[in-house]
PDB file of N, CA and C in Angstrom:
ATOM      1  N   UNK A   1       0.779  -1.288  -0.017  1.00  0.00           N
ATOM      2  CA  UNK A   1       0.183   0.038   0.141  1.00  0.00           C
ATOM      3  C   UNK A   1       1.035   1.275   0.123  1.00  0.00           C
ATOM      4  N   UNK A   2       0.493   1.873  -0.606  1.00  0.00           N
ATOM      5  CA  UNK A   2       1.021   3.227  -0.837  1.00  0.00           C
ATOM      6  C   UNK A   2       0.356   4.902  -0.119  1.00  0.00           C
ATOM      7  N   UNK A   3       1.448   5.521   0.379  1.00  0.00           N
ATOM      8  CA  UNK A   3       0.757   6.412   1.343  1.00  0.00           C
ATOM      9  C   UNK A   3       0.661   7.791   0.047  1.00  0.00           C
ATOM     10  N   UNK A   4       0.089   8.442   0.189  1.00  0.00           N
ATOM     11  CA  UNK A   4       0.221  10.268  -0.710  1.00  0.00           C
ATOM     12  C   UNK A   4       0.635  11.080   0.658  1.00  0.00           C
ATOM     13  N   UNK A   5       2.080  11.791   0.169  1.00  0.00           N
ATOM     14  CA  UNK A   5       1.984  12.798   1.020  1.00  0.00           C
ATOM     15  C   UNK A   5       0.950  13.463   1.257  1.00  0.00           C
ATOM     16  N   UNK A   6       0.698  14.271   2.613  1.00  0.00           N
ATOM     17  CA  UNK A   6      -0.116  14.849   3.219  1.00  0.00           C
ATOM     18  C   UNK A   6      -0.908  16.206   2.217  1.00  0.00           C
ATOM     19  N   UNK A   7       0.110  16.957   1.427  1.00  0.00           N
ATOM     20  CA  UNK A   7      -0.681  17.993   0.453  1.00  0.00           C
ATOM     21  C   UNK A   7      -1.103  17.240  -0.578  1.00  0.00           C
ATOM     22  N   UNK A   8      -0.916  15.820  -1.066  1.00  0.00           N
ATOM     23  CA  UNK A   8      -1.351  15.745  -2.379  1.00  0.00           C
ATOM     24  C   UNK A   8      -2.823  14.552  -1.709  1.00  0.00           C
ATOM     25  N   UNK A   9      -2.597  14.059  -0.658  1.00  0.00           N
ATOM     26  CA  UNK A   9      -4.134  13.823  -0.305  1.00  0.00           C
ATOM     27  C   UNK A   9      -5.060  14.659  -0.089  1.00  0.00           C
ATOM     28  N   UNK A  10      -4.791  15.785   0.643  1.00  0.00           N
ATOM     29  CA  UNK A  10      -6.048  17.294   0.940  1.00  0.00           C
ATOM     30  C   UNK A  10      -6.425  17.379  -0.762  1.00  0.00           C
ATOM     31  N   UNK A  11      -5.695  17.725  -1.454  1.00  0.00           N
ATOM     32  CA  UNK A  11      -5.989  17.715  -3.344  1.00  0.00           C
ATOM     33  C   UNK A  11      -6.986  17.081  -3.738  1.00  0.00           C
ATOM     34  N   UNK A  12      -6.667  15.404  -3.222  1.00  0.00           N
ATOM     35  CA  UNK A  12      -7.433  14.352  -3.716  1.00  0.00           C
ATOM     36  C   UNK A  12      -8.799  14.496  -3.077  1.00  0.00           C
ATOM     37  N   UNK A  13      -8.421  14.471  -2.084  1.00  0.00           N
ATOM     38  CA  UNK A  13     -10.023  14.571  -0.930  1.00  0.00           C
ATOM     39  C   UNK A  13     -10.977  15.909  -1.414  1.00  0.00           C
ATOM     40  N   UNK A  14      -9.766  17.054  -1.881  1.00  0.00           N
ATOM     41  CA  UNK A  14     -10.814  18.365  -2.333  1.00  0.00           C
ATOM     42  C   UNK A  14     -11.588  18.155  -3.585  1.00  0.00           C
ATOM     43  N   UNK A  15     -10.898  17.312  -4.562  1.00  0.00           N
ATOM     44  CA  UNK A  15     -11.307  16.967  -5.931  1.00  0.00           C
ATOM     45  C   UNK A  15     -12.536  16.018  -5.862  1.00  0.00           C
ATOM     46  N   UNK A  16     -12.188  14.793  -4.860  1.00  0.00           N
ATOM     47  CA  UNK A  16     -13.547  13.947  -4.418  1.00  0.00           C
ATOM     48  C   UNK A  16     -14.343  14.504  -4.125  1.00  0.00           C
ATOM     49  N   UNK A  17     -14.562  15.484  -3.172  1.00  0.00           N
ATOM     50  CA  UNK A  17     -15.538  16.337  -2.890  1.00  0.00           C
ATOM     51  C   UNK A  17     -15.998  17.166  -3.887  1.00  0.00           C
ATOM     52  N   UNK A  18     -15.121  17.885  -4.472  1.00  0.00           N
ATOM     53  CA  UNK A  18     -16.235  18.945  -5.738  1.00  0.00           C
ATOM     54  C   UNK A  18     -16.548  17.949  -6.644  1.00  0.00           C
ATOM     55  N   UNK A  19     -15.984  16.691  -6.911  1.00  0.00           N
ATOM     56  CA  UNK A  19     -16.590  15.731  -8.221  1.00  0.00           C
ATOM     57  C   UNK A  19     -17.949  15.234  -7.736  1.00  0.00           C
ATOM     58  N   UNK A  20     -18.217  15.115  -6.054  1.00  0.00           N
ATOM     59  CA  UNK A  20     -19.420  14.604  -6.009  1.00  0.00           C
ATOM     60  C   UNK A  20     -20.177  15.381  -5.690  1.00  0.00           C
ATOM     61  N   UNK A  21     -19.917  16.262  -5.253  1.00  0.00           N
ATOM     62  CA  UNK A  21     -21.027  17.707  -5.356  1.00  0.00           C
ATOM     63  C   UNK A  21     -21.425  18.172  -6.601  1.00  0.00           C
ATOM     64  N   UNK A  22     -20.629  18.344  -7.700  1.00  0.00           N
ATOM     65  CA  UNK A  22     -21.021  18.386  -9.335  1.00  0.00           C
ATOM     66  C   UNK A  22     -21.940  17.553 -10.058  1.00  0.00           C
ATOM     67  N   UNK A  23     -21.221  16.438  -9.333  1.00  0.00           N
ATOM     68  CA  UNK A  23     -22.030  14.943 -10.173  1.00  0.00           C
ATOM     69  C   UNK A  23     -23.036  14.338  -9.550  1.00  0.00           C
ATOM     70  N   UNK A  24     -23.438  14.690  -8.039  1.00  0.00           N
ATOM     71  CA  UNK A  24     -24.316  14.502  -7.091  1.00  0.00           C
ATOM     72  C   UNK A  24     -24.024  12.875  -6.987  1.00  0.00           C
ATOM     73  N   UNK A  25     -22.455  12.649  -6.731  1.00  0.00           N
ATOM     74  CA  UNK A  25     -22.359  11.306  -6.520  1.00  0.00           C
ATOM     75  C   UNK A  25     -21.398  10.683  -5.338  1.00  0.00           C
ATOM     76  N   UNK A  26     -21.517   9.789  -4.761  1.00  0.00           N
ATOM     77  CA  UNK A  26     -20.717   8.879  -3.672  1.00  0.00           C
ATOM     78  C   UNK A  26     -19.297   8.183  -4.222  1.00  0.00           C
ATOM     79  N   UNK A  27     -18.191   8.382  -3.744  1.00  0.00           N
ATOM     80  CA  UNK A  27     -17.091   8.079  -3.732  1.00  0.00           C
ATOM     81  C   UNK A  27     -17.294   6.793  -3.389  1.00  0.00           C
ATOM     82  N   UNK A  28     -17.351   5.332  -3.686  1.00  0.00           N
ATOM     83  CA  UNK A  28     -17.288   4.151  -2.767  1.00  0.00           C
ATOM     84  C   UNK A  28     -15.585   3.618  -2.778  1.00  0.00           C
ATOM     85  N   UNK A  29     -15.302   3.195  -1.558  1.00  0.00           N
ATOM     86  CA  UNK A  29     -13.853   2.930  -1.667  1.00  0.00           C
ATOM     87  C   UNK A  29     -13.991   1.438  -1.996  1.00  0.00           C
ATOM     88  N   UNK A  30     -12.595   0.868  -2.318  1.00  0.00           N
ATOM     89  CA  UNK A  30     -12.500  -0.587  -2.808  1.00  0.00           C
ATOM     90  C   UNK A  30     -12.498  -1.349  -1.322  1.00  0.00           C
ATOM     91  N   UNK A  31     -12.615  -0.811  -0.265  1.00  0.00           N
ATOM     92  CA  UNK A  31     -13.275  -1.766   1.068  1.00  0.00           C
ATOM     93  C   UNK A  31     -14.492  -1.811   0.986  1.00  0.00           C
ATOM     94  N   UNK A  32     -14.794  -0.887   0.862  1.00  0.00           N
ATOM     95  CA  UNK A  32     -16.890  -0.456   0.564  1.00  0.00           C
ATOM     96  C   UNK A  32     -17.412  -1.599  -0.343  1.00  0.00           C
ATOM     97  N   UNK A  33     -16.248  -1.629  -1.714  1.00  0.00           N
ATOM     98  CA  UNK A  33     -16.652  -2.200  -2.526  1.00  0.00           C
ATOM     99  C   UNK A  33     -16.698  -3.805  -2.200  1.00  0.00           C
ATOM    100  N   UNK A  34     -15.527  -4.107  -1.529  1.00  0.00           N
ATOM    101  CA  UNK A  34     -15.156  -5.586  -1.322  1.00  0.00           C
ATOM    102  C   UNK A  34     -16.436  -6.017   0.031  1.00  0.00           C
ATOM    103  N   UNK A  35     -16.986  -5.112   0.418  1.00  0.00           N
ATOM    104  CA  UNK A  35     -18.048  -5.276   1.802  1.00  0.00           C
ATOM    105  C   UNK A  35     -19.421  -5.795   0.810  1.00  0.00           C
ATOM    106  N   UNK A  36     -19.540  -4.675   0.180  1.00  0.00           N
ATOM    107  CA  UNK A  36     -20.890  -4.974  -0.765  1.00  0.00           C
ATOM    108  C   UNK A  36     -21.183  -6.360  -1.916  1.00  0.00           C
ATOM    109  N   UNK A  37     -19.612  -6.506  -2.166  1.00  0.00           N
ATOM    110  CA  UNK A  37     -19.441  -7.632  -2.997  1.00  0.00           C
ATOM    111  C   UNK A  37     -19.463  -9.669  -2.021  1.00  0.00           C
ATOM    112  N   UNK A  38     -19.158  -8.990  -0.710  1.00  0.00           N
ATOM    113  CA  UNK A  38     -19.341 -10.155   0.267  1.00  0.00           C
ATOM    114  C   UNK A  38     -20.796 -10.014   0.615  1.00  0.00           C
ATOM    115  N   UNK A  39     -21.364  -9.277   0.887  1.00  0.00           N
ATOM    116  CA  UNK A  39     -22.907  -9.146   1.099  1.00  0.00           C
ATOM    117  C   UNK A  39     -23.982  -9.831   0.166  1.00  0.00           C
ATOM    118  N   UNK A  40     -23.315  -9.446  -0.958  1.00  0.00           N
ATOM    119  CA  UNK A  40     -24.104  -9.763  -2.069  1.00  0.00           C
ATOM    120  C   UNK A  40     -24.177 -11.470  -1.937  1.00  0.00           C
ATOM    121  N   UNK A  41     -22.754 -11.951  -2.076  1.00  0.00           N
ATOM    122  CA  UNK A  41     -22.627 -13.008  -2.209  1.00  0.00           C
ATOM    123  C   UNK A  41     -23.350 -14.294  -1.037  1.00  0.00           C
ATOM    124  N   UNK A  42     -23.074 -13.506   0.110  1.00  0.00           N
ATOM    125  CA  UNK A  42     -23.785 -14.212   1.264  1.00  0.00           C
ATOM    126  C   UNK A  42     -25.491 -14.022   1.052  1.00  0.00           C
ATOM    127  N   UNK A  43     -25.976 -13.305   0.543  1.00  0.00           N
ATOM    128  CA  UNK A  43     -27.498 -13.019   0.204  1.00  0.00           C
ATOM    129  C   UNK A  43     -27.538 -14.161  -1.002  1.00  0.00           C
ATOM    130  N   UNK A  44     -26.492 -14.320  -1.716  1.00  0.00           N
ATOM    131  CA  UNK A  44     -27.382 -15.378  -2.746  1.00  0.00           C
ATOM    132  C   UNK A  44     -27.031 -16.778  -2.267  1.00  0.00           C
ATOM    133  N   UNK A  45     -26.100 -16.950  -1.354  1.00  0.00           N
ATOM    134  CA  UNK A  45     -26.145 -18.203  -0.394  1.00  0.00           C
ATOM    135  C   UNK A  45     -27.212 -18.440   0.065  1.00  0.00           C
ATOM    136  N   UNK A  46     -27.574 -17.658   0.853  1.00  0.00           N
ATOM    137  CA  UNK A  46     -29.027 -17.952   1.707  1.00  0.00           C
ATOM    138  C   UNK A  46     -30.076 -18.299   1.046  1.00  0.00           C
ATOM    139  N   UNK A  47     -29.954 -17.590  -0.068  1.00  0.00           N
ATOM    140  CA  UNK A  47     -31.233 -17.664  -0.942  1.00  0.00           C
ATOM    141  C   UNK A  47     -30.993 -19.215  -1.750  1.00  0.00           C
ATOM    142  N   UNK A  48     -30.093 -19.027  -2.226  1.00  0.00           N
ATOM    143  CA  UNK A  48     -29.805 -20.818  -2.540  1.00  0.00           C
ATOM    144  C   UNK A  48     -30.130 -21.954  -1.289  1.00  0.00           C
ATOM    145  N   UNK A  49     -29.870 -21.780   0.106  1.00  0.00           N
ATOM    146  CA  UNK A  49     -29.809 -22.443   0.824  1.00  0.00           C
ATOM    147  C   UNK A  49     -31.928 -22.683   1.185  1.00  0.00           C
ATOM    148  N   UNK A  50     -32.139 -21.611   1.378  1.00  0.00           N
ATOM    149  CA  UNK A  50     -33.347 -21.337   1.137  1.00  0.00           C
ATOM    150  C   UNK A  50     -34.224 -22.457  -0.001  1.00  0.00           C
ATOM    151  N   UNK A  51     -34.023 -21.844  -0.974  1.00  0.00           N
ATOM    152  CA  UNK A  51     -34.813 -22.858  -2.125  1.00  0.00           C
ATOM    153  C   UNK A  51     -34.381 -24.272  -1.854  1.00  0.00           C
ATOM    154  N   UNK A  52     -33.215 -24.656  -1.645  1.00  0.00           N
ATOM    155  CA  UNK A  52     -32.752 -26.005  -1.454  1.00  0.00           C
ATOM    156  C   UNK A  52     -33.673 -26.531  -0.293  1.00  0.00           C
ATOM    157  N   UNK A  53     -33.689 -26.095   0.992  1.00  0.00           N
ATOM    158  CA  UNK A  53     -34.783 -26.618   1.808  1.00  0.00           C
ATOM    159  C   UNK A  53     -36.349 -26.884   1.697  1.00  0.00           C
ATOM    160  N   UNK A  54     -36.693 -25.661   0.598  1.00  0.00           N
ATOM    161  CA  UNK A  54     -37.931 -25.478  -0.055  1.00  0.00           C
ATOM    162  C   UNK A  54     -38.194 -27.186  -0.684  1.00  0.00           C
ATOM    163  N   UNK A  55     -37.043 -27.168  -1.619  1.00  0.00           N
ATOM    164  CA  UNK A  55     -37.541 -28.336  -2.648  1.00  0.00           C
ATOM    165  C   UNK A  55     -37.260 -29.843  -1.724  1.00  0.00           C
ATOM    166  N   UNK A  56     -36.439 -30.188  -0.744  1.00  0.00           N
ATOM    167  CA  UNK A  56     -36.426 -31.203   0.061  1.00  0.00           C
ATOM    168  C   UNK A  56     -37.422 -30.900   0.996  1.00  0.00           C
ATOM    169  N   UNK A  57     -37.806 -30.411   1.105  1.00  0.00           N
ATOM    170  CA  UNK A  57     -39.494 -30.282   1.646  1.00  0.00           C
ATOM    171  C   UNK A  57     -40.357 -30.770   0.984  1.00  0.00           C
ATOM    172  N   UNK A  58     -40.255 -30.308  -0.151  1.00  0.00           N
ATOM    173  CA  UNK A  58     -41.418 -31.419  -1.057  1.00  0.00           C
ATOM    174  C   UNK A  58     -41.168 -32.809  -1.444  1.00  0.00           C
ATOM    175  N   UNK A  59     -40.073 -32.826  -1.375  1.00  0.00           N
ATOM    176  CA  UNK A  59     -39.505 -34.405  -1.569  1.00  0.00           C
ATOM    177  C   UNK A  59     -39.617 -35.261  -0.314  1.00  0.00           C
ATOM    178  N   UNK A  60     -39.571 -34.667   0.591  1.00  0.00           N
ATOM    179  CA  UNK A  60     -39.600 -35.378   2.021  1.00  0.00           C
ATOM    180  C   UNK A  60     -41.407 -35.703   2.045  1.00  0.00           C
ATOM    181  N   UNK A  61     -42.229 -34.703   1.607  1.00  0.00           N
ATOM    182  CA  UNK A  61     -43.510 -34.971   1.763  1.00  0.00           C
ATOM    183  C   UNK A  61     -44.410 -35.669   0.996  1.00  0.00           C
ATOM    184  N   UNK A  62     -43.581 -35.858  -0.520  1.00  0.00           N
ATOM    185  CA  UNK A  62     -43.943 -36.853  -1.384  1.00  0.00           C
ATOM    186  C   UNK A  62     -43.406 -38.365  -1.011  1.00  0.00           C
ATOM    187  N   UNK A  63     -42.639 -37.899  -0.303  1.00  0.00           N
ATOM    188  CA  UNK A  63     -41.858 -39.618   0.140  1.00  0.00           C
ATOM    189  C   UNK A  63     -42.318 -40.023   1.638  1.00  0.00           C
ATOM    190  N   UNK A  64     -42.574 -39.163   2.545  1.00  0.00           N
ATOM    191  CA  UNK A  64     -43.200 -39.710   3.732  1.00  0.00           C
ATOM    192  C   UNK A  64     -44.131 -39.349   4.452  1.00  0.00           C
ATOM    193  N   UNK A  65     -45.177 -38.154   3.712  1.00  0.00           N
ATOM    194  CA  UNK A  65     -46.285 -37.537   3.617  1.00  0.00           C
ATOM    195  C   UNK A  65     -45.768 -36.002   4.530  1.00  0.00           C
ATOM    196  N   UNK A  66     -47.302 -35.872   5.109  1.00  0.00           N
ATOM    197  CA  UNK A  66     -46.784 -33.979   5.878  1.00  0.00           C
ATOM    198  C   UNK A  66     -45.714 -34.594   7.106  1.00  0.00           C
ATOM    199  N   UNK A  67     -44.985 -33.615   7.550  1.00  0.00           N
ATOM    200  CA  UNK A  67     -43.587 -33.546   8.652  1.00  0.00           C
ATOM    201  C   UNK A  67     -44.287 -33.283   9.483  1.00  0.00           C
ATOM    202  N   UNK A  68     -44.238 -33.696  10.772  1.00  0.00           N
ATOM    203  CA  UNK A  68     -44.642 -32.867  11.704  1.00  0.00           C
ATOM    204  C   UNK A  68     -43.929 -31.685  11.751  1.00  0.00           C
ATOM    205  N   UNK A  69     -44.452 -30.650  12.687  1.00  0.00           N
ATOM    206  CA  UNK A  69     -43.841 -29.341  12.711  1.00  0.00           C
ATOM    207  C   UNK A  69     -42.533 -29.350  13.470  1.00  0.00           C
ATOM    208  N   UNK A  70     -42.374 -30.134  14.609  1.00  0.00           N
ATOM    209  CA  UNK A  70     -40.950 -30.282  14.842  1.00  0.00           C
ATOM    210  C   UNK A  70     -39.887 -30.962  13.644  1.00  0.00           C
ATOM    211  N   UNK A  71     -40.127 -31.811  13.286  1.00  0.00           N
ATOM    212  CA  UNK A  71     -38.961 -31.856  12.282  1.00  0.00           C
ATOM    213  C   UNK A  71     -38.770 -31.027  11.263  1.00  0.00           C
ATOM    214  N   UNK A  72     -40.082 -30.454  10.994  1.00  0.00           N
ATOM    215  CA  UNK A  72     -40.257 -29.353   9.745  1.00  0.00           C
ATOM    216  C   UNK A  72     -39.555 -28.013  10.044  1.00  0.00           C
ATOM    217  N   UNK A  73     -39.168 -27.928  11.263  1.00  0.00           N
ATOM    218  CA  UNK A  73     -38.763 -26.762  11.821  1.00  0.00           C
ATOM    219  C   UNK A  73     -37.064 -26.859  11.796  1.00  0.00           C
ATOM    220  N   UNK A  74     -36.585 -28.328  12.010  1.00  0.00           N
ATOM    221  CA  UNK A  74     -35.236 -28.534  12.250  1.00  0.00           C
ATOM    222  C   UNK A  74     -34.618 -28.428  10.819  1.00  0.00           C
ATOM    223  N   UNK A  75     -35.021 -28.342   9.628  1.00  0.00           N
ATOM    224  CA  UNK A  75     -35.164 -28.129   8.531  1.00  0.00           C
ATOM    225  C   UNK A  75     -34.261 -26.840   8.355  1.00  0.00           C
ATOM    226  N   UNK A  76     -34.766 -26.238   8.843  1.00  0.00           N
ATOM    227  CA  UNK A  76     -34.571 -24.366   8.843  1.00  0.00           C
ATOM    228  C   UNK A  76     -32.741 -24.372   9.372  1.00  0.00           C
ATOM    229  N   UNK A  77     -32.395 -24.781  10.445  1.00  0.00           N
ATOM    230  CA  UNK A  77     -31.380 -25.329  10.940  1.00  0.00           C
ATOM    231  C   UNK A  77     -29.999 -25.992  10.110  1.00  0.00           C
ATOM    232  N   UNK A  78     -30.276 -26.505   8.872  1.00  0.00           N
ATOM    233  CA  UNK A  78     -29.568 -27.318   8.474  1.00  0.00           C
ATOM    234  C   UNK A  78     -28.539 -26.271   7.164  1.00  0.00           C
ATOM    235  N   UNK A  79     -27.057 -26.489   6.989  1.00  0.00           N
ATOM    236  CA  UNK A  79     -26.443 -25.913   5.720  1.00  0.00           C
ATOM    237  C   UNK A  79     -26.933 -26.348   4.783  1.00  0.00           C
ATOM    238  N   UNK A  80     -26.610 -25.581   3.588  1.00  0.00           N
ATOM    239  CA  UNK A  80     -26.461 -25.679   2.322  1.00  0.00           C
ATOM    240  C   UNK A  80     -25.875 -27.520   1.876  1.00  0.00           C
ATOM    241  N   UNK A  81     -25.001 -27.734   2.499  1.00  0.00           N
ATOM    242  CA  UNK A  81     -24.224 -28.590   2.578  1.00  0.00           C
ATOM    243  C   UNK A  81     -24.863 -30.391   3.122  1.00  0.00           C
ATOM    244  N   UNK A  82     -25.715 -29.481   4.328  1.00  0.00           N
ATOM    245  CA  UNK A  82     -26.471 -30.981   5.034  1.00  0.00           C
ATOM    246  C   UNK A  82     -27.664 -30.959   4.073  1.00  0.00           C
ATOM    247  N   UNK A  83     -28.264 -29.777   3.487  1.00  0.00           N
ATOM    248  CA  UNK A  83     -29.785 -30.161   2.839  1.00  0.00           C
ATOM    249  C   UNK A  83     -29.174 -30.915   1.821  1.00  0.00           C
ATOM    250  N   UNK A  84     -28.117 -30.854   1.100  1.00  0.00           N
ATOM    251  CA  UNK A  84     -27.613 -31.555   0.023  1.00  0.00           C
ATOM    252  C   UNK A  84     -27.360 -32.918   0.112  1.00  0.00           C
ATOM    253  N   UNK A  85     -26.984 -33.224   1.586  1.00  0.00           N
ATOM    254  CA  UNK A  85     -26.783 -34.577   1.395  1.00  0.00           C
ATOM    255  C   UNK A  85     -28.050 -35.015   2.166  1.00  0.00           C
ATOM    256  N   UNK A  86     -28.754 -34.585   2.662  1.00  0.00           N
ATOM    257  CA  UNK A  86     -30.535 -35.350   3.107  1.00  0.00           C
ATOM    258  C   UNK A  86     -31.048 -35.258   1.940  1.00  0.00           C
ATOM    259  N   UNK A  87     -31.102 -34.536   0.918  1.00  0.00           N
ATOM    260  CA  UNK A  87     -31.343 -34.792  -0.522  1.00  0.00           C
ATOM    261  C   UNK A  87     -31.464 -36.033  -0.955  1.00  0.00           C
ATOM    262  N   UNK A  88     -30.063 -36.428  -1.046  1.00  0.00           N
ATOM    263  CA  UNK A  88     -29.746 -37.609  -1.311  1.00  0.00           C
ATOM    264  C   UNK A  88     -30.010 -39.236  -0.383  1.00  0.00           C
ATOM    265  N   UNK A  89     -29.570 -38.617   0.508  1.00  0.00           N
ATOM    266  CA  UNK A  89     -30.262 -39.631   1.638  1.00  0.00           C
ATOM    267  C   UNK A  89     -31.477 -40.176   1.695  1.00  0.00           C
ATOM    268  N   UNK A  90     -32.429 -39.382   1.794  1.00  0.00           N
ATOM    269  CA  UNK A  90     -33.803 -39.365   1.764  1.00  0.00           C
ATOM    270  C   UNK A  90     -34.937 -40.286   0.632  1.00  0.00           C
ATOM    271  N   UNK A  91     -33.419 -40.518  -0.507  1.00  0.00           N
ATOM    272  CA  UNK A  91     -34.052 -41.634  -1.335  1.00  0.00           C
ATOM    273  C   UNK A  91     -34.510 -42.874  -0.776  1.00  0.00           C
ATOM    274  N   UNK A  92     -33.850 -42.859   0.378  1.00  0.00           N
ATOM    275  CA  UNK A  92     -33.515 -44.143   1.068  1.00  0.00           C
ATOM    276  C   UNK A  92     -35.164 -44.443   2.005  1.00  0.00           C
ATOM    277  N   UNK A  93     -35.247 -43.427   2.246  1.00  0.00           N
ATOM    278  CA  UNK A  93     -36.194 -43.159   3.435  1.00  0.00           C
ATOM    279  C   UNK A  93     -37.282 -43.842   3.008  1.00  0.00           C
ATOM    280  N   UNK A  94     -38.207 -44.410   4.240  1.00  0.00           N
ATOM    281  CA  UNK A  94     -39.534 -45.057   4.139  1.00  0.00           C
ATOM    282  C   UNK A  94     -40.417 -44.833   5.383  1.00  0.00           C
ATOM    283  N   UNK A  95     -39.558 -43.990   6.120  1.00  0.00           N
ATOM    284  CA  UNK A  95     -40.590 -43.459   7.218  1.00  0.00           C
ATOM    285  C   UNK A  95     -40.272 -42.529   7.915  1.00  0.00           C
ATOM    286  N   UNK A  96     -41.050 -42.110   8.322  1.00  0.00           N
ATOM    287  CA  UNK A  96     -40.495 -40.490   9.269  1.00  0.00           C
ATOM    288  C   UNK A  96     -39.700 -40.877  10.073  1.00  0.00           C
ATOM    289  N   UNK A  97     -39.385 -42.200  10.917  1.00  0.00           N
ATOM    290  CA  UNK A  97     -38.011 -42.552  11.776  1.00  0.00           C
ATOM    291  C   UNK A  97     -36.793 -42.555  10.845  1.00  0.00           C
ATOM    292  N   UNK A  98     -36.810 -42.627   9.722  1.00  0.00           N
ATOM    293  CA  UNK A  98     -35.579 -42.662   8.835  1.00  0.00           C
ATOM    294  C   UNK A  98     -35.157 -41.366   9.139  1.00  0.00           C
ATOM    295  N   UNK A  99     -35.879 -40.109   8.633  1.00  0.00           N
ATOM    296  CA  UNK A  99     -35.717 -38.793   8.812  1.00  0.00           C
ATOM    297  C   UNK A  99     -35.301 -38.140   9.981  1.00  0.00           C
ATOM    298  N   UNK A 100     -35.921 -39.116  11.205  1.00  0.00           N
ATOM    299  CA  UNK A 100     -35.602 -38.730  12.617  1.00  0.00           C
ATOM    300  C   UNK A 100     -34.230 -38.928  12.808  1.00  0.00           C
ATOM    301  N   UNK A 101     -33.597 -40.089  12.240  1.00  0.00           N
ATOM    302  CA  UNK A 101     -32.364 -40.902  12.587  1.00  0.00           C
ATOM    303  C   UNK A 101     -31.377 -39.984  12.171  1.00  0.00           C
ATOM    304  N   UNK A 102     -31.630 -39.905  10.949  1.00  0.00           N
ATOM    305  CA  UNK A 102     -30.762 -38.594   9.886  1.00  0.00           C
ATOM    306  C   UNK A 102     -30.300 -37.403  10.608  1.00  0.00           C
ATOM    307  N   UNK A 103     -31.600 -36.716  11.259  1.00  0.00           N
ATOM    308  CA  UNK A 103     -31.368 -35.361  12.016  1.00  0.00           C
ATOM    309  C   UNK A 103     -30.628 -35.585  12.781  1.00  0.00           C
ATOM    310  N   UNK A 104     -30.831 -36.791  13.615  1.00  0.00           N
ATOM    311  CA  UNK A 104     -30.151 -36.956  15.046  1.00  0.00           C
ATOM    312  C   UNK A 104     -28.288 -37.222  15.037  1.00  0.00           C
ATOM    313  N   UNK A 105     -28.235 -37.539  13.611  1.00  0.00           N
ATOM    314  CA  UNK A 105     -26.900 -37.909  13.301  1.00  0.00           C
ATOM    315  C   UNK A 105     -25.946 -36.423  13.712  1.00  0.00           C
ATOM    316  N   UNK A 106     -24.513 -36.456  14.302  1.00  0.00           N
ATOM    317  CA  UNK A 106     -24.066 -35.650  14.300  1.00  0.00           C
ATOM    318  C   UNK A 106     -23.429 -35.312  13.303  1.00  0.00           C
TER     319      UNK A 106
END
């Protein structure tokens, strides 16, 4: 990282302030840009997790019938990787007890 001399840094900030005022723009620092990008990625990941849970709920309902609310709520705590593992495991389920046993695993 390179630091500007104080005089040049003051000129830079003055120029940015003038530009923002004239263009009604806000300067976004690279750190802010990284933060926005990370937040966007986290939002996409959470959306993917929610969609995967919804799909697994449908698969479980078709395979086992309506889930008891206590088991349905446990699905909300699963990570994306766990939901994906469950989507494969449920193909071998034949009763609610199979789901309970799977959820009880560490």
